[in-house]
Amino acid sequence: MIKQRVDLEVEATFTVDGNVIPHDIIYNDRVLHITRILRTRKYCPPMISCFAPTELTVLIEGKERQLYFEPSSNKWFSVKDIYN
């Protein structure tokens, strides 16, 4: 199994105190609404090229998903498993 970084388009709010709050993910012409942020932590997934991202565990359509924000590049991404 190989892990692949998938860049995402995310609608988010940046608060005055420096927090970022994602609201929606736009992926394959679909809008996926983030209903809740469950937790955040500084974490870089293994085998993924990134620099000091924040991992957000979010609730989308009733399922927990991991979403990453890389502040050095201002990019959002997720990680997809590729099976050989």
Protein backbone atom coordinates (compact mmCIF):
# COMPACT_ATOMS: atom_id res chain seq x y z
CA MET A 1 0.00 0.00 0.00
CA ILE A 2 1.22 3.46 -0.93
CA LYS A 3 -0.04 6.73 0.52
CA GLN A 4 -0.69 9.63 -1.84
CA ARG A 5 -1.22 13.30 -1.03
CA VAL A 6 -4.41 14.74 -2.55
CA ASP A 7 -4.55 18.54 -2.69
CA LEU A 8 -7.96 20.00 -1.83
CA GLU A 9 -9.90 23.19 -2.28
CA VAL A 10 -11.27 24.24 1.13
CA GLU A 11 -13.46 27.14 2.16
CA ALA A 12 -12.26 28.28 5.57
CA THR A 13 -12.26 31.21 7.95
CA PHE A 14 -9.05 32.56 9.44
CA THR A 15 -9.83 34.16 12.79
CA VAL A 16 -8.12 37.22 14.25
CA ASP A 17 -6.45 35.07 16.91
CA GLY A 18 -4.75 32.93 14.25
CA ASN A 19 -7.04 29.91 14.16
CA VAL A 20 -8.30 28.40 10.94
CA ILE A 21 -11.80 26.94 10.73
CA PRO A 22 -12.61 24.87 7.63
CA HIS A 23 -16.27 24.86 6.51
CA ASP A 24 -16.50 23.07 3.17
CA ILE A 25 -14.32 20.91 0.92
CA ILE A 26 -14.77 21.13 -2.85
CA TYR A 27 -13.70 17.83 -4.44
CA ASN A 28 -14.65 16.42 -7.85
CA ASP A 29 -17.31 19.12 -8.32
CA ARG A 30 -18.93 18.16 -4.99
CA VAL A 31 -19.23 20.35 -1.92
CA LEU A 32 -18.69 18.37 1.27
CA HIS A 33 -19.80 20.23 4.39
CA ILE A 34 -17.70 19.85 7.54
CA THR A 35 -20.23 19.53 10.33
CA ARG A 36 -17.75 19.46 13.20
CA ILE A 37 -14.05 19.65 14.04
CA LEU A 38 -13.33 16.82 16.48
CA ARG A 39 -9.63 17.47 17.20
CA THR A 40 -6.50 19.17 15.89
CA ARG A 41 -2.82 18.35 16.28
CA LYS A 42 0.52 18.99 14.60
CA TYR A 43 1.18 15.86 12.56
CA CYS A 44 2.76 14.84 9.25
CA PRO A 45 1.47 11.54 7.88
CA PRO A 46 4.17 8.93 7.13
CA MET A 47 5.41 8.73 3.53
CA ILE A 48 3.87 12.13 2.65
CA SER A 49 5.96 15.13 1.70
CA CYS A 50 4.84 18.07 3.84
CA PHE A 51 6.22 20.68 6.21
CA ALA A 52 4.70 21.05 9.72
CA PRO A 53 1.03 20.56 8.85
CA THR A 54 -1.89 20.64 11.23
CA GLU A 55 -4.07 17.54 11.13
CA LEU A 56 -7.75 18.18 11.69
CA THR A 57 -10.06 15.26 12.38
CA VAL A 58 -13.43 16.41 11.07
CA LEU A 59 -16.92 15.04 10.69
CA ILE A 60 -18.21 14.93 7.09
CA GLU A 61 -21.51 13.22 6.27
CA GLY A 62 -21.36 11.40 9.62
CA LYS A 63 -17.86 9.99 9.07
CA GLU A 64 -14.54 10.96 10.64
CA ARG A 65 -11.96 12.15 8.13
CA GLN A 66 -8.45 13.58 8.40
CA LEU A 67 -7.74 16.89 6.74
CA TYR A 68 -4.36 18.65 6.75
CA PHE A 69 -3.42 22.31 6.50
CA GLU A 70 0.17 23.23 5.66
CA PRO A 71 0.69 26.87 6.75
CA SER A 72 4.02 27.30 4.97
CA SER A 73 2.31 26.81 1.58
CA ASN A 74 -1.27 27.73 2.60
CA LYS A 75 -2.42 24.41 1.12
CA TRP A 76 -4.99 21.87 2.25
CA PHE A 77 -4.67 18.17 1.54
CA SER A 78 -5.83 14.70 2.52
CA VAL A 79 -4.12 11.33 2.22
CA LYS A 80 -5.39 8.51 0.02
CA ASP A 81 -4.32 4.86 0.24
CA ILE A 82 -3.31 3.31 -3.10
CA TYR A 83 -3.30 -0.46 -3.25
CA ASN A 84 -0.93 -2.25 -5.62
